[in-house]
């Protein structure tokens, strides 16, 4: 035993180093979630734990006390203000940080496979994933013993719907109040780092279908007045209800409406997402869907504690406080 091991209790990192595995693997095997690992790996971990007099749960249970090994908060390639990501990050890091905590923020690569490879080299105990990885890549992390939340089998929901579906539903509900008008999805044009766009578009299609409305149309809006105006011109004089990808896209649409002499909300009604500073300062104030991401963060933390501590998985339902339409003067 080294001098370091004599002066402090052994940690999961010590066991992992001696057994030649990741800390996440140690946590899973010593917490009884060992079925995915071959017997030689299990035996090696148990032997290392005995030799180091390591107490099971020293890592997993530490999270319940506000301490943890390395936990990666994985961000998609979007503006940090999008969907209140900064609020989410602050809640997660505040909840996870403690005397032995090691919380790492990482931006996902364009290629999900390279992101997973980089994460596995880091050997984290867990990854809190904020929309950066497809399900199959999250499953790959789990197959290597890394806890991943939100849990694949328990996606976080709002009134039974995933977050994107719920946002689309709220946008169509708000725009539908303007009467008979064509619903249009205003996507963010030319942004390869658009992590949520495909889900928002699909959600809007579903929301229109459930209400018996005509299928939504789509326009790709650049964040400049001229480009946005060209997109709106394509629809002629048809009254439009525009569900924007976010508040920045909504602002571009509204600037174009002014350029074209369109009346808001009489000719064109617009709703954004995020209730960002631009929505609150715009004149007229932009109607927007606001997400309280601290609620999402708390659900994710509950799932993480359940995975690491072996307790019952909490329900994924986020309740009424998660999403709301913040009224403005554009719908």
C-alpha atoms as a PDB file:
ATOM      1  CA  UNK A   1       0.000   0.000   0.000  1.00  0.00           C
ATOM      2  CA  UNK A   2       1.400   3.427  -0.901  1.00  0.00           C
ATOM      3  CA  UNK A   3       1.841   6.263   1.577  1.00  0.00           C
ATOM      4  CA  UNK A   4      -1.087   8.084  -0.047  1.00  0.00           C
ATOM      5  CA  UNK A   5      -3.361   5.104   0.553  1.00  0.00           C
ATOM      6  CA  UNK A   6      -2.346   5.070   4.220  1.00  0.00           C
ATOM      7  CA  UNK A   7      -3.397   8.655   4.940  1.00  0.00           C
ATOM      8  CA  UNK A   8      -6.805   8.727   3.265  1.00  0.00           C
ATOM      9  CA  UNK A   9      -9.618   6.258   2.514  1.00  0.00           C
ATOM     10  CA  UNK A  10      -9.461   4.587  -0.863  1.00  0.00           C
ATOM     11  CA  UNK A  11     -11.654   6.062  -3.577  1.00  0.00           C
ATOM     12  CA  UNK A  12     -13.332   4.615  -6.643  1.00  0.00           C
ATOM     13  CA  UNK A  13     -10.510   6.125  -8.696  1.00  0.00           C
ATOM     14  CA  UNK A  14      -7.971   4.110  -6.682  1.00  0.00           C
ATOM     15  CA  UNK A  15      -9.920   0.893  -7.243  1.00  0.00           C
ATOM     16  CA  UNK A  16     -10.325   1.688 -10.934  1.00  0.00           C
ATOM     17  CA  UNK A  17      -6.607   2.340 -11.356  1.00  0.00           C
ATOM     18  CA  UNK A  18      -5.657  -0.908  -9.639  1.00  0.00           C
ATOM     19  CA  UNK A  19      -8.231  -2.972 -11.571  1.00  0.00           C
ATOM     20  CA  UNK A  20      -7.512  -1.275 -14.887  1.00  0.00           C
ATOM     21  CA  UNK A  21     -11.113  -0.144 -15.459  1.00  0.00           C
ATOM     22  CA  UNK A  22     -13.102   3.096 -15.366  1.00  0.00           C
ATOM     23  CA  UNK A  23     -14.518   4.596 -12.193  1.00  0.00           C
ATOM     24  CA  UNK A  24     -17.990   4.148 -13.628  1.00  0.00           C
ATOM     25  CA  UNK A  25     -17.318   0.426 -14.000  1.00  0.00           C
ATOM     26  CA  UNK A  26     -16.295   0.251 -10.354  1.00  0.00           C
ATOM     27  CA  UNK A  27     -19.486   2.018  -9.317  1.00  0.00           C
ATOM     28  CA  UNK A  28     -21.716  -0.291 -11.342  1.00  0.00           C
ATOM     29  CA  UNK A  29     -20.064  -3.535 -10.267  1.00  0.00           C
ATOM     30  CA  UNK A  30     -19.882  -2.710  -6.572  1.00  0.00           C
ATOM     31  CA  UNK A  31     -23.484  -1.431  -6.553  1.00  0.00           C
ATOM     32  CA  UNK A  32     -24.799  -4.743  -7.889  1.00  0.00           C
ATOM     33  CA  UNK A  33     -25.380  -3.549 -11.474  1.00  0.00           C
ATOM     34  CA  UNK A  34     -22.753  -5.906 -12.836  1.00  0.00           C
ATOM     35  CA  UNK A  35     -24.609  -8.032 -15.406  1.00  0.00           C
ATOM     36  CA  UNK A  36     -23.172  -6.153 -18.385  1.00  0.00           C
ATOM     37  CA  UNK A  37     -19.555  -6.877 -17.374  1.00  0.00           C
ATOM     38  CA  UNK A  38     -17.625 -10.134 -17.954  1.00  0.00           C
ATOM     39  CA  UNK A  39     -16.785 -12.185 -14.873  1.00  0.00           C
ATOM     40  CA  UNK A  40     -12.996 -11.534 -15.070  1.00  0.00           C
ATOM     41  CA  UNK A  41     -13.687  -7.786 -14.883  1.00  0.00           C
ATOM     42  CA  UNK A  42     -16.023  -8.232 -11.932  1.00  0.00           C
ATOM     43  CA  UNK A  43     -13.468 -10.367 -10.098  1.00  0.00           C
ATOM     44  CA  UNK A  44     -10.677  -7.863 -10.771  1.00  0.00           C
ATOM     45  CA  UNK A  45     -12.733  -4.988  -9.366  1.00  0.00           C
ATOM     46  CA  UNK A  46     -13.782  -6.907  -6.254  1.00  0.00           C
ATOM     47  CA  UNK A  47     -10.173  -7.992  -5.623  1.00  0.00           C
ATOM     48  CA  UNK A  48      -8.910  -4.401  -5.950  1.00  0.00           C
ATOM     49  CA  UNK A  49     -11.634  -3.169  -3.582  1.00  0.00           C
ATOM     50  CA  UNK A  50     -10.663  -5.781  -0.962  1.00  0.00           C
ATOM     51  CA  UNK A  51      -6.977  -4.976  -1.225  1.00  0.00           C
ATOM     52  CA  UNK A  52      -7.625  -1.262  -0.799  1.00  0.00           C
ATOM     53  CA  UNK A  53     -10.272  -1.746   1.904  1.00  0.00           C
ATOM     54  CA  UNK A  54     -12.581   0.282  -0.295  1.00  0.00           C
ATOM     55  CA  UNK A  55     -16.104   0.814   1.000  1.00  0.00           C
ATOM     56  CA  UNK A  56     -18.757   0.227  -1.682  1.00  0.00           C
ATOM     57  CA  UNK A  57     -20.854   3.319  -2.399  1.00  0.00           C
ATOM     58  CA  UNK A  58     -17.954   5.624  -1.506  1.00  0.00           C
ATOM     59  CA  UNK A  59     -18.438   7.029  -4.988  1.00  0.00           C
ATOM     60  CA  UNK A  60     -22.091   6.380  -5.801  1.00  0.00           C
ATOM     61  CA  UNK A  61     -23.513   7.356  -2.428  1.00  0.00           C
ATOM     62  CA  UNK A  62     -21.299  10.439  -2.290  1.00  0.00           C
ATOM     63  CA  UNK A  63     -23.543  12.021  -4.924  1.00  0.00           C
ATOM     64  CA  UNK A  64     -26.481  11.884  -2.516  1.00  0.00           C
ATOM     65  CA  UNK A  65     -24.364  13.850  -0.051  1.00  0.00           C
ATOM     66  CA  UNK A  66     -23.480  16.410  -2.705  1.00  0.00           C
ATOM     67  CA  UNK A  67     -20.138  14.898  -3.698  1.00  0.00           C
ATOM     68  CA  UNK A  68     -19.123  12.989  -6.795  1.00  0.00           C
ATOM     69  CA  UNK A  69     -16.401  11.676  -9.023  1.00  0.00           C
ATOM     70  CA  UNK A  70     -16.077  13.122 -12.518  1.00  0.00           C
ATOM     71  CA  UNK A  71     -19.454  13.963 -14.015  1.00  0.00           C
ATOM     72  CA  UNK A  72     -19.595  15.448 -17.513  1.00  0.00           C
ATOM     73  CA  UNK A  73     -22.337  17.901 -18.430  1.00  0.00           C
ATOM     74  CA  UNK A  74     -22.481  17.451 -22.204  1.00  0.00           C
ATOM     75  CA  UNK A  75     -23.763  20.422 -24.199  1.00  0.00           C
ATOM     76  CA  UNK A  76     -24.939  20.416 -27.816  1.00  0.00           C
ATOM     77  CA  UNK A  77     -23.432  22.887 -30.248  1.00  0.00           C
ATOM     78  CA  UNK A  78     -25.911  25.691 -29.673  1.00  0.00           C
ATOM     79  CA  UNK A  79     -25.774  29.135 -28.135  1.00  0.00           C
ATOM     80  CA  UNK A  80     -25.460  28.763 -24.390  1.00  0.00           C
ATOM     81  CA  UNK A  81     -28.560  30.920 -23.968  1.00  0.00           C
ATOM     82  CA  UNK A  82     -30.710  28.532 -25.974  1.00  0.00           C
ATOM     83  CA  UNK A  83     -33.416  26.771 -23.929  1.00  0.00           C
ATOM     84  CA  UNK A  84     -31.977  28.411 -20.827  1.00  0.00           C
ATOM     85  CA  UNK A  85     -28.935  26.130 -20.985  1.00  0.00           C
ATOM     86  CA  UNK A  86     -26.976  28.411 -18.706  1.00  0.00           C
ATOM     87  CA  UNK A  87     -29.669  28.040 -16.060  1.00  0.00           C
ATOM     88  CA  UNK A  88     -29.491  24.260 -16.410  1.00  0.00           C
ATOM     89  CA  UNK A  89     -25.713  24.219 -16.119  1.00  0.00           C
ATOM     90  CA  UNK A  90     -25.747  26.393 -13.006  1.00  0.00           C
ATOM     91  CA  UNK A  91     -28.333  24.176 -11.301  1.00  0.00           C
ATOM     92  CA  UNK A  92     -26.450  20.986 -12.140  1.00  0.00           C
ATOM     93  CA  UNK A  93     -23.023  22.214 -11.091  1.00  0.00           C
ATOM     94  CA  UNK A  94     -24.379  23.778  -7.897  1.00  0.00           C
ATOM     95  CA  UNK A  95     -26.090  20.488  -6.965  1.00  0.00           C
ATOM     96  CA  UNK A  96     -23.167  18.253  -7.868  1.00  0.00           C
ATOM     97  CA  UNK A  97     -20.309  20.322  -6.512  1.00  0.00           C
ATOM     98  CA  UNK A  98     -18.807  19.344  -3.180  1.00  0.00           C
ATOM     99  CA  UNK A  99     -15.426  18.789  -1.535  1.00  0.00           C
ATOM    100  CA  UNK A 100     -14.527  15.893  -3.847  1.00  0.00           C
ATOM    101  CA  UNK A 101     -16.561  16.930  -6.880  1.00  0.00           C
ATOM    102  CA  UNK A 102     -15.206  17.070 -10.385  1.00  0.00           C
ATOM    103  CA  UNK A 103     -17.850  18.480 -12.721  1.00  0.00           C
ATOM    104  CA  UNK A 104     -16.705  18.995 -16.311  1.00  0.00           C
ATOM    105  CA  UNK A 105     -18.545  20.954 -19.009  1.00  0.00           C
ATOM    106  CA  UNK A 106     -17.969  19.742 -22.564  1.00  0.00           C
ATOM    107  CA  UNK A 107     -19.306  20.846 -25.942  1.00  0.00           C
ATOM    108  CA  UNK A 108     -20.190  17.891 -28.188  1.00  0.00           C
ATOM    109  CA  UNK A 109     -18.300  17.380 -31.425  1.00  0.00           C
ATOM    110  CA  UNK A 110     -20.145  17.497 -34.729  1.00  0.00           C
ATOM    111  CA  UNK A 111     -19.757  13.722 -34.931  1.00  0.00           C
ATOM    112  CA  UNK A 112     -21.510  11.839 -32.127  1.00  0.00           C
ATOM    113  CA  UNK A 113     -19.099   8.921 -32.413  1.00  0.00           C
ATOM    114  CA  UNK A 114     -16.058  11.079 -31.757  1.00  0.00           C
ATOM    115  CA  UNK A 115     -17.842  12.643 -28.793  1.00  0.00           C
ATOM    116  CA  UNK A 116     -18.442   9.215 -27.255  1.00  0.00           C
ATOM    117  CA  UNK A 117     -14.831   8.184 -27.874  1.00  0.00           C
ATOM    118  CA  UNK A 118     -13.571  11.312 -26.122  1.00  0.00           C
ATOM    119  CA  UNK A 119     -15.894  10.758 -23.184  1.00  0.00           C
ATOM    120  CA  UNK A 120     -14.785   7.146 -22.761  1.00  0.00           C
ATOM    121  CA  UNK A 121     -11.157   8.293 -22.627  1.00  0.00           C
ATOM    122  CA  UNK A 122     -12.120  10.606 -19.787  1.00  0.00           C
ATOM    123  CA  UNK A 123     -13.689   7.643 -17.929  1.00  0.00           C
ATOM    124  CA  UNK A 124     -16.442   9.654 -16.218  1.00  0.00           C
ATOM    125  CA  UNK A 125     -18.730   8.297 -13.552  1.00  0.00           C
ATOM    126  CA  UNK A 126     -21.707   9.833 -15.351  1.00  0.00           C
ATOM    127  CA  UNK A 127     -22.778  12.048 -18.248  1.00  0.00           C
ATOM    128  CA  UNK A 128     -25.636  14.541 -17.991  1.00  0.00           C
ATOM    129  CA  UNK A 129     -26.670  14.806 -21.636  1.00  0.00           C
ATOM    130  CA  UNK A 130     -28.522  17.931 -22.824  1.00  0.00           C
ATOM    131  CA  UNK A 131     -29.621  16.875 -26.283  1.00  0.00           C
ATOM    132  CA  UNK A 132     -26.227  16.339 -27.887  1.00  0.00           C
ATOM    133  CA  UNK A 133     -26.321  12.568 -28.535  1.00  0.00           C
ATOM    134  CA  UNK A 134     -28.670  10.169 -30.353  1.00  0.00           C
ATOM    135  CA  UNK A 135     -30.094   7.320 -28.285  1.00  0.00           C
ATOM    136  CA  UNK A 136     -27.757   4.689 -29.745  1.00  0.00           C
ATOM    137  CA  UNK A 137     -24.709   6.672 -28.661  1.00  0.00           C
ATOM    138  CA  UNK A 138     -26.082   7.149 -25.162  1.00  0.00           C
ATOM    139  CA  UNK A 139     -26.649   3.398 -25.011  1.00  0.00           C
ATOM    140  CA  UNK A 140     -23.032   2.873 -26.066  1.00  0.00           C
ATOM    141  CA  UNK A 141     -21.848   4.958 -23.124  1.00  0.00           C
ATOM    142  CA  UNK A 142     -24.045   2.942 -20.790  1.00  0.00           C
ATOM    143  CA  UNK A 143     -22.674  -0.306 -22.180  1.00  0.00           C
ATOM    144  CA  UNK A 144     -19.245   0.866 -20.987  1.00  0.00           C
ATOM    145  CA  UNK A 145     -20.533   1.429 -17.462  1.00  0.00           C
ATOM    146  CA  UNK A 146     -21.177   5.176 -17.685  1.00  0.00           C
ATOM    147  CA  UNK A 147     -24.404   6.400 -16.090  1.00  0.00           C
ATOM    148  CA  UNK A 148     -26.309   8.615 -18.558  1.00  0.00           C
ATOM    149  CA  UNK A 149     -29.187  10.951 -17.731  1.00  0.00           C
ATOM    150  CA  UNK A 150     -31.856  11.728 -18.687  1.00  0.00           C
ATOM    151  CA  UNK A 151     -32.355   7.979 -18.533  1.00  0.00           C
ATOM    152  CA  UNK A 152     -32.908   6.380 -21.969  1.00  0.00           C
ATOM    153  CA  UNK A 153     -35.906   4.388 -20.753  1.00  0.00           C
ATOM    154  CA  UNK A 154     -37.352   7.307 -18.764  1.00  0.00           C
ATOM    155  CA  UNK A 155     -37.170  10.424 -20.987  1.00  0.00           C
ATOM    156  CA  UNK A 156     -38.133  13.621 -19.210  1.00  0.00           C
ATOM    157  CA  UNK A 157     -41.723  14.571 -20.047  1.00  0.00           C
ATOM    158  CA  UNK A 158     -44.192  17.425 -19.645  1.00  0.00           C
ATOM    159  CA  UNK A 159     -47.815  16.264 -19.443  1.00  0.00           C
ATOM    160  CA  UNK A 160     -46.818  12.996 -21.107  1.00  0.00           C
ATOM    161  CA  UNK A 161     -44.935  14.696 -23.956  1.00  0.00           C
ATOM    162  CA  UNK A 162     -41.233  15.132 -24.596  1.00  0.00           C
ATOM    163  CA  UNK A 163     -40.008  18.714 -24.249  1.00  0.00           C
ATOM    164  CA  UNK A 164     -39.879  19.438 -28.007  1.00  0.00           C
ATOM    165  CA  UNK A 165     -43.358  17.987 -28.562  1.00  0.00           C
ATOM    166  CA  UNK A 166     -44.730  20.067 -25.694  1.00  0.00           C
ATOM    167  CA  UNK A 167     -43.136  23.235 -27.090  1.00  0.00           C
ATOM    168  CA  UNK A 168     -44.697  22.605 -30.497  1.00  0.00           C
ATOM    169  CA  UNK A 169     -48.055  21.970 -28.881  1.00  0.00           C
ATOM    170  CA  UNK A 170     -47.935  25.239 -26.930  1.00  0.00           C
ATOM    171  CA  UNK A 171     -46.874  27.211 -30.008  1.00  0.00           C
ATOM    172  CA  UNK A 172     -49.714  25.863 -32.151  1.00  0.00           C
ATOM    173  CA  UNK A 173     -52.203  26.363 -29.326  1.00  0.00           C
ATOM    174  CA  UNK A 174     -51.179  30.027 -29.063  1.00  0.00           C
ATOM    175  CA  UNK A 175     -51.166  30.641 -32.823  1.00  0.00           C
ATOM    176  CA  UNK A 176     -54.494  28.859 -33.259  1.00  0.00           C
ATOM    177  CA  UNK A 177     -56.143  31.626 -31.270  1.00  0.00           C
ATOM    178  CA  UNK A 178     -55.673  33.974 -34.222  1.00  0.00           C
ATOM    179  CA  UNK A 179     -58.233  32.115 -36.302  1.00  0.00           C
ATOM    180  CA  UNK A 180     -57.873  30.696 -39.787  1.00  0.00           C
ATOM    181  CA  UNK A 181     -54.256  31.137 -40.802  1.00  0.00           C
ATOM    182  CA  UNK A 182     -51.497  28.964 -42.175  1.00  0.00           C
ATOM    183  CA  UNK A 183     -49.064  27.654 -39.541  1.00  0.00           C
ATOM    184  CA  UNK A 184     -45.440  28.031 -40.629  1.00  0.00           C
ATOM    185  CA  UNK A 185     -42.312  26.760 -38.890  1.00  0.00           C
ATOM    186  CA  UNK A 186     -39.478  29.297 -39.044  1.00  0.00           C
ATOM    187  CA  UNK A 187     -36.284  27.251 -38.863  1.00  0.00           C
ATOM    188  CA  UNK A 188     -32.818  28.659 -38.261  1.00  0.00           C
ATOM    189  CA  UNK A 189     -31.202  28.776 -41.700  1.00  0.00           C
ATOM    190  CA  UNK A 190     -27.679  27.633 -42.391  1.00  0.00           C
ATOM    191  CA  UNK A 191     -26.750  26.729 -38.823  1.00  0.00           C
ATOM    192  CA  UNK A 192     -25.024  23.346 -38.787  1.00  0.00           C
ATOM    193  CA  UNK A 193     -25.020  23.490 -34.993  1.00  0.00           C
ATOM    194  CA  UNK A 194     -28.815  23.395 -34.742  1.00  0.00           C
ATOM    195  CA  UNK A 195     -29.276  20.650 -32.155  1.00  0.00           C
ATOM    196  CA  UNK A 196     -33.029  20.980 -31.678  1.00  0.00           C
ATOM    197  CA  UNK A 197     -34.397  22.010 -35.081  1.00  0.00           C
ATOM    198  CA  UNK A 198     -35.412  18.599 -36.424  1.00  0.00           C
ATOM    199  CA  UNK A 199     -37.289  17.771 -33.243  1.00  0.00           C
ATOM    200  CA  UNK A 200     -39.096  21.125 -33.208  1.00  0.00           C
ATOM    201  CA  UNK A 201     -40.247  20.705 -36.830  1.00  0.00           C
ATOM    202  CA  UNK A 202     -41.554  17.183 -36.233  1.00  0.00           C
ATOM    203  CA  UNK A 203     -43.295  18.354 -33.061  1.00  0.00           C
ATOM    204  CA  UNK A 204     -45.069  21.149 -34.927  1.00  0.00           C
ATOM    205  CA  UNK A 205     -46.316  18.711 -37.565  1.00  0.00           C
ATOM    206  CA  UNK A 206     -47.747  16.500 -34.840  1.00  0.00           C
ATOM    207  CA  UNK A 207     -49.396  19.401 -33.017  1.00  0.00           C
ATOM    208  CA  UNK A 208     -51.175  20.563 -36.193  1.00  0.00           C
ATOM    209  CA  UNK A 209     -52.304  17.022 -36.989  1.00  0.00           C
ATOM    210  CA  UNK A 210     -53.765  16.492 -33.495  1.00  0.00           C
ATOM    211  CA  UNK A 211     -55.812  19.666 -33.877  1.00  0.00           C
ATOM    212  CA  UNK A 212     -57.066  18.836 -37.356  1.00  0.00           C
ATOM    213  CA  UNK A 213     -55.182  21.799 -38.862  1.00  0.00           C
ATOM    214  CA  UNK A 214     -53.529  21.922 -42.260  1.00  0.00           C
ATOM    215  CA  UNK A 215     -49.994  20.578 -42.283  1.00  0.00           C
ATOM    216  CA  UNK A 216     -47.505  23.304 -41.368  1.00  0.00           C
ATOM    217  CA  UNK A 217     -45.261  24.821 -43.989  1.00  0.00           C
ATOM    218  CA  UNK A 218     -41.604  25.606 -43.419  1.00  0.00           C
ATOM    219  CA  UNK A 219     -39.221  28.433 -44.131  1.00  0.00           C
ATOM    220  CA  UNK A 220     -35.515  28.650 -43.340  1.00  0.00           C
ATOM    221  CA  UNK A 221     -34.843  32.070 -41.868  1.00  0.00           C
ATOM    222  CA  UNK A 222     -31.376  33.656 -41.858  1.00  0.00           C
ATOM    223  CA  UNK A 223     -30.677  36.090 -39.052  1.00  0.00           C
ATOM    224  CA  UNK A 224     -30.810  39.155 -41.277  1.00  0.00           C
ATOM    225  CA  UNK A 225     -33.712  41.338 -42.396  1.00  0.00           C
ATOM    226  CA  UNK A 226     -33.266  40.929 -46.158  1.00  0.00           C
ATOM    227  CA  UNK A 227     -33.047  37.151 -46.021  1.00  0.00           C
ATOM    228  CA  UNK A 228     -36.026  36.860 -43.684  1.00  0.00           C
ATOM    229  CA  UNK A 229     -38.078  39.189 -45.915  1.00  0.00           C
ATOM    230  CA  UNK A 230     -37.388  37.012 -48.952  1.00  0.00           C
ATOM    231  CA  UNK A 231     -38.723  34.011 -47.074  1.00  0.00           C
ATOM    232  CA  UNK A 232     -41.939  35.767 -46.054  1.00  0.00           C
ATOM    233  CA  UNK A 233     -42.560  37.049 -49.592  1.00  0.00           C
ATOM    234  CA  UNK A 234     -42.969  33.439 -50.762  1.00  0.00           C
ATOM    235  CA  UNK A 235     -46.292  33.201 -48.920  1.00  0.00           C
ATOM    236  CA  UNK A 236     -47.929  36.182 -50.606  1.00  0.00           C
ATOM    237  CA  UNK A 237     -50.804  37.743 -48.676  1.00  0.00           C
ATOM    238  CA  UNK A 238     -51.910  34.595 -46.817  1.00  0.00           C
ATOM    239  CA  UNK A 239     -52.343  35.243 -43.055  1.00  0.00           C
ATOM    240  CA  UNK A 240     -49.577  33.367 -41.260  1.00  0.00           C
ATOM    241  CA  UNK A 241     -49.031  31.999 -37.788  1.00  0.00           C
ATOM    242  CA  UNK A 242     -45.267  31.601 -37.425  1.00  0.00           C
ATOM    243  CA  UNK A 243     -43.765  29.250 -34.855  1.00  0.00           C
ATOM    244  CA  UNK A 244     -40.111  30.270 -34.662  1.00  0.00           C
ATOM    245  CA  UNK A 245     -37.222  28.009 -33.683  1.00  0.00           C
ATOM    246  CA  UNK A 246     -36.207  30.524 -31.032  1.00  0.00           C
ATOM    247  CA  UNK A 247     -36.539  34.195 -30.134  1.00  0.00           C
ATOM    248  CA  UNK A 248     -33.705  35.279 -32.441  1.00  0.00           C
ATOM    249  CA  UNK A 249     -35.486  33.781 -35.434  1.00  0.00           C
ATOM    250  CA  UNK A 250     -38.729  35.397 -34.255  1.00  0.00           C
ATOM    251  CA  UNK A 251     -36.951  38.770 -34.132  1.00  0.00           C
ATOM    252  CA  UNK A 252     -35.670  38.319 -37.690  1.00  0.00           C
ATOM    253  CA  UNK A 253     -39.207  37.529 -38.862  1.00  0.00           C
ATOM    254  CA  UNK A 254     -40.605  40.592 -37.100  1.00  0.00           C
ATOM    255  CA  UNK A 255     -37.943  42.853 -38.606  1.00  0.00           C
ATOM    256  CA  UNK A 256     -38.891  41.499 -42.035  1.00  0.00           C
ATOM    257  CA  UNK A 257     -42.575  42.186 -41.323  1.00  0.00           C
ATOM    258  CA  UNK A 258     -41.717  45.822 -40.660  1.00  0.00           C
ATOM    259  CA  UNK A 259     -39.703  45.969 -43.883  1.00  0.00           C
ATOM    260  CA  UNK A 260     -42.615  44.505 -45.876  1.00  0.00           C
ATOM    261  CA  UNK A 261     -45.326  46.548 -44.210  1.00  0.00           C
ATOM    262  CA  UNK A 262     -46.981  43.492 -42.643  1.00  0.00           C
ATOM    263  CA  UNK A 263     -49.182  44.114 -39.617  1.00  0.00           C
ATOM    264  CA  UNK A 264     -48.368  42.105 -36.461  1.00  0.00           C
ATOM    265  CA  UNK A 265     -50.294  40.201 -35.242  1.00  0.00           C
ATOM    266  CA  UNK A 266     -53.132  40.896 -37.725  1.00  0.00           C
ATOM    267  CA  UNK A 267     -51.350  39.741 -40.895  1.00  0.00           C
ATOM    268  CA  UNK A 268     -48.656  37.634 -39.279  1.00  0.00           C
ATOM    269  CA  UNK A 269     -48.560  36.330 -35.705  1.00  0.00           C
ATOM    270  CA  UNK A 270     -45.240  35.127 -34.282  1.00  0.00           C
ATOM    271  CA  UNK A 271     -44.188  33.075 -31.264  1.00  0.00           C
ATOM    272  CA  UNK A 272     -40.621  32.265 -30.257  1.00  0.00           C
ATOM    273  CA  UNK A 273     -38.927  29.967 -27.751  1.00  0.00           C
ATOM    274  CA  UNK A 274     -36.721  30.775 -24.718  1.00  0.00           C
ATOM    275  CA  UNK A 275     -38.278  34.030 -23.421  1.00  0.00           C
ATOM    276  CA  UNK A 276     -34.796  35.451 -23.873  1.00  0.00           C
ATOM    277  CA  UNK A 277     -33.635  38.995 -23.337  1.00  0.00           C
ATOM    278  CA  UNK A 278     -34.281  39.816 -26.985  1.00  0.00           C
ATOM    279  CA  UNK A 279     -37.924  38.745 -26.594  1.00  0.00           C
ATOM    280  CA  UNK A 280     -38.391  40.888 -23.507  1.00  0.00           C
ATOM    281  CA  UNK A 281     -36.774  43.981 -25.032  1.00  0.00           C
ATOM    282  CA  UNK A 282     -38.285  43.767 -28.537  1.00  0.00           C
ATOM    283  CA  UNK A 283     -41.028  46.173 -29.506  1.00  0.00           C
ATOM    284  CA  UNK A 284     -43.646  44.802 -29.732  1.00  0.00           C
ATOM    285  CA  UNK A 285     -42.731  42.337 -26.997  1.00  0.00           C
ATOM    286  CA  UNK A 286     -42.335  38.845 -28.499  1.00  0.00           C
ATOM    287  CA  UNK A 287     -44.670  36.096 -27.292  1.00  0.00           C
ATOM    288  CA  UNK A 288     -42.457  33.163 -26.338  1.00  0.00           C
ATOM    289  CA  UNK A 289     -42.447  29.702 -24.785  1.00  0.00           C
ATOM    290  CA  UNK A 290     -40.333  29.706 -21.644  1.00  0.00           C
ATOM    291  CA  UNK A 291     -38.735  26.571 -20.231  1.00  0.00           C
ATOM    292  CA  UNK A 292     -37.745  26.462 -16.575  1.00  0.00           C
ATOM    293  CA  UNK A 293     -34.678  24.303 -17.048  1.00  0.00           C
ATOM    294  CA  UNK A 294     -33.990  24.166 -13.320  1.00  0.00           C
ATOM    295  CA  UNK A 295     -36.982  21.803 -13.150  1.00  0.00           C
ATOM    296  CA  UNK A 296     -35.394  19.641 -15.854  1.00  0.00           C
ATOM    297  CA  UNK A 297     -32.072  19.720 -14.000  1.00  0.00           C
ATOM    298  CA  UNK A 298     -33.663  18.525 -10.758  1.00  0.00           C
ATOM    299  CA  UNK A 299     -35.362  15.604 -12.536  1.00  0.00           C
ATOM    300  CA  UNK A 300     -32.050  14.661 -14.164  1.00  0.00           C
ATOM    301  CA  UNK A 301     -30.295  14.792 -10.787  1.00  0.00           C
ATOM    302  CA  UNK A 302     -32.926  12.505  -9.278  1.00  0.00           C
ATOM    303  CA  UNK A 303     -32.384  10.006 -12.067  1.00  0.00           C
ATOM    304  CA  UNK A 304     -28.626  10.200 -11.598  1.00  0.00           C
ATOM    305  CA  UNK A 305     -28.875   9.520  -7.881  1.00  0.00           C
ATOM    306  CA  UNK A 306     -31.132   6.549  -8.644  1.00  0.00           C
ATOM    307  CA  UNK A 307     -28.684   5.099 -11.174  1.00  0.00           C
ATOM    308  CA  UNK A 308     -25.658   5.480  -8.931  1.00  0.00           C
ATOM    309  CA  UNK A 309     -27.336   4.661  -5.651  1.00  0.00           C
ATOM    310  CA  UNK A 310     -29.560   1.813  -6.762  1.00  0.00           C
ATOM    311  CA  UNK A 311     -32.737   3.525  -5.552  1.00  0.00           C
ATOM    312  CA  UNK A 312     -36.052   3.601  -7.397  1.00  0.00           C
ATOM    313  CA  UNK A 313     -36.054   5.687 -10.569  1.00  0.00           C
ATOM    314  CA  UNK A 314     -38.139   8.846 -10.013  1.00  0.00           C
ATOM    315  CA  UNK A 315     -40.973   9.635 -12.399  1.00  0.00           C
ATOM    316  CA  UNK A 316     -39.898  11.625 -15.453  1.00  0.00           C
ATOM    317  CA  UNK A 317     -42.934  13.910 -15.402  1.00  0.00           C
ATOM    318  CA  UNK A 318     -41.968  17.547 -14.853  1.00  0.00           C
ATOM    319  CA  UNK A 319     -45.396  18.991 -14.075  1.00  0.00           C
ATOM    320  CA  UNK A 320     -46.968  22.337 -14.733  1.00  0.00           C
ATOM    321  CA  UNK A 321     -43.981  24.469 -13.796  1.00  0.00           C
ATOM    322  CA  UNK A 322     -41.688  23.356 -16.609  1.00  0.00           C
ATOM    323  CA  UNK A 323     -43.128  25.151 -19.664  1.00  0.00           C
ATOM    324  CA  UNK A 324     -45.355  28.165 -20.123  1.00  0.00           C
ATOM    325  CA  UNK A 325     -46.308  30.681 -22.775  1.00  0.00           C
ATOM    326  CA  UNK A 326     -45.166  34.175 -21.824  1.00  0.00           C
ATOM    327  CA  UNK A 327     -47.676  36.494 -23.503  1.00  0.00           C
ATOM    328  CA  UNK A 328     -46.447  39.298 -25.707  1.00  0.00           C
ATOM    329  CA  UNK A 329     -47.957  41.464 -28.420  1.00  0.00           C
ATOM    330  CA  UNK A 330     -47.011  39.317 -31.421  1.00  0.00           C
ATOM    331  CA  UNK A 331     -49.813  36.703 -31.228  1.00  0.00           C
END
